[in-house]
Amino acid sequence: MNLTDAAGNPIFDKARAMKIARTETMRSSNYGTKMAWKDAGVTTISWHAYPDCCSWCAALDGETIAIESNFRDEGGEVEDADGKIMRVMYGDVGAPPLHPNCECVPLAVVE
């Protein structure tokens, strides 16, 4: 259901609400996982992207960082294999998601 104001502008879009809910659920889950790993003594994590991911997440796939670090800081960039740039505009990326609907996950690096 889409609700509109008196001028006909959308004030609620179910698809947008679902996108936001999915993205923020992934963000809180992945950051919670990262915090638990840190408490358990994990010192390194890596980015895991699924095979059908976007080109920017594919560029991050396998990237490894210290658990206290960020994959990208706000204002940083991710460059894909074709040279297309995505600028990180919504805060530091210490764990996935990189963008709305991102399904990437962090992995603990255990040696």
Protein backbone atom coordinates (compact mmCIF):
# COMPACT_ATOMS: atom_id res chain seq x y z
CA MET A 1 0.00 0.00 0.00
CA ASN A 2 1.27 3.47 -0.88
CA LEU A 3 -0.03 6.48 1.04
CA THR A 4 0.10 9.99 -0.36
CA ASP A 5 -0.24 13.48 1.06
CA ALA A 6 -2.78 16.06 -0.16
CA ALA A 7 -0.52 16.94 -3.13
CA GLY A 8 -0.22 13.29 -4.17
CA ASN A 9 3.38 12.87 -2.98
CA PRO A 10 4.15 9.46 -1.52
CA ILE A 11 4.56 9.44 2.25
CA PHE A 12 4.85 5.68 2.59
CA ASP A 13 6.13 3.19 0.10
CA LYS A 14 6.04 -0.44 1.24
CA ALA A 15 8.92 -1.49 -1.05
CA ARG A 16 11.14 1.30 0.30
CA ALA A 17 10.23 0.41 3.87
CA MET A 18 11.14 -3.24 3.24
CA LYS A 19 14.47 -2.22 1.67
CA ILE A 20 15.33 -0.09 4.69
CA ALA A 21 14.27 -2.84 7.12
CA ARG A 22 16.35 -5.49 5.31
CA THR A 23 19.40 -3.24 5.12
CA GLU A 24 19.30 -2.14 8.75
CA THR A 25 18.65 -5.70 9.94
CA MET A 26 21.79 -6.84 8.08
CA ARG A 27 23.75 -3.88 9.50
CA SER A 28 22.78 -4.59 13.12
CA SER A 29 23.30 -8.34 12.74
CA ASN A 30 26.73 -7.97 11.15
CA TYR A 31 27.91 -5.34 13.64
CA GLY A 32 26.62 -7.47 16.54
CA THR A 33 28.51 -10.45 15.16
CA LYS A 34 31.64 -8.33 14.86
CA MET A 35 31.31 -7.20 18.49
CA ALA A 36 30.88 -10.81 19.68
CA TRP A 37 33.94 -11.91 17.73
CA LYS A 38 35.98 -9.07 19.20
CA ASP A 39 34.90 -10.13 22.72
CA ALA A 40 35.92 -13.71 21.84
CA GLY A 41 39.41 -12.61 20.81
CA VAL A 42 39.08 -12.52 17.02
CA THR A 43 41.48 -9.90 15.69
CA THR A 44 40.89 -10.05 11.91
CA ILE A 45 37.80 -10.17 9.71
CA SER A 46 37.21 -10.40 5.98
CA TRP A 47 34.46 -9.32 3.59
CA HIS A 48 32.41 -12.14 2.04
CA ALA A 49 30.32 -11.34 -1.02
CA TYR A 50 27.87 -13.73 -2.65
CA PRO A 51 28.36 -14.77 -6.31
CA ASP A 52 25.48 -12.60 -7.60
CA CYS A 53 26.56 -9.47 -5.71
CA CYS A 54 27.10 -6.02 -7.19
CA SER A 55 30.45 -5.07 -8.73
CA TRP A 56 31.48 -2.95 -5.72
CA CYS A 57 30.89 -5.75 -3.24
CA ALA A 58 32.75 -8.11 -5.58
CA ALA A 59 35.70 -5.71 -5.38
CA LEU A 60 35.65 -5.99 -1.56
CA ASP A 61 35.28 -9.79 -1.53
CA GLY A 62 38.11 -11.32 0.48
CA GLU A 63 39.45 -7.98 1.74
CA THR A 64 40.82 -8.47 5.25
CA ILE A 65 41.08 -5.87 8.02
CA ALA A 66 41.80 -5.66 11.74
CA ILE A 67 38.56 -6.06 13.66
CA GLU A 68 38.85 -2.51 15.09
CA SER A 69 39.24 -1.03 11.58
CA ASN A 70 36.80 -0.16 8.80
CA PHE A 71 36.61 -1.60 5.33
CA ARG A 72 36.01 1.98 4.20
CA ASP A 73 35.70 5.23 6.12
CA GLU A 74 32.94 7.70 5.35
CA GLY A 75 34.01 9.66 2.29
CA GLY A 76 36.18 6.77 1.07
CA GLU A 77 35.71 5.01 -2.23
CA VAL A 78 35.28 1.51 -3.60
CA GLU A 79 36.42 0.93 -7.18
CA ASP A 80 35.04 -2.03 -9.10
CA ALA A 81 36.82 -4.06 -11.78
CA ASP A 82 35.54 -1.70 -14.50
CA GLY A 83 36.88 1.39 -12.74
CA LYS A 84 33.44 2.58 -11.56
CA ILE A 85 33.64 4.39 -8.22
CA MET A 86 31.21 4.24 -5.30
CA ARG A 87 31.75 6.88 -2.63
CA VAL A 88 30.84 5.88 0.93
CA MET A 89 28.43 8.59 2.05
CA TYR A 90 26.46 7.21 5.02
CA GLY A 91 29.10 6.55 7.66
CA ASP A 92 32.04 4.25 8.16
CA VAL A 93 31.75 0.69 6.88
CA GLY A 94 33.21 -1.50 9.60
CA ALA A 95 31.16 -4.46 8.36
CA PRO A 96 28.62 -5.02 5.58
CA PRO A 97 26.27 -3.70 4.28
CA LEU A 98 27.93 -1.39 1.79
CA HIS A 99 24.64 -0.26 0.22
CA PRO A 100 20.86 -0.85 0.49
CA ASN A 101 19.84 -4.50 0.04
CA CYS A 102 23.48 -5.63 0.43
CA GLU A 103 23.64 -9.30 1.47
CA CYS A 104 27.38 -9.47 2.19
CA VAL A 105 28.62 -10.73 5.54
CA PRO A 106 31.83 -10.47 7.56
CA LEU A 107 33.83 -13.62 8.24
CA ALA A 108 36.14 -14.17 11.18
CA VAL A 109 39.69 -14.93 10.15
CA VAL A 110 40.91 -17.66 12.48
CA GLU A 111 44.53 -18.68 12.27
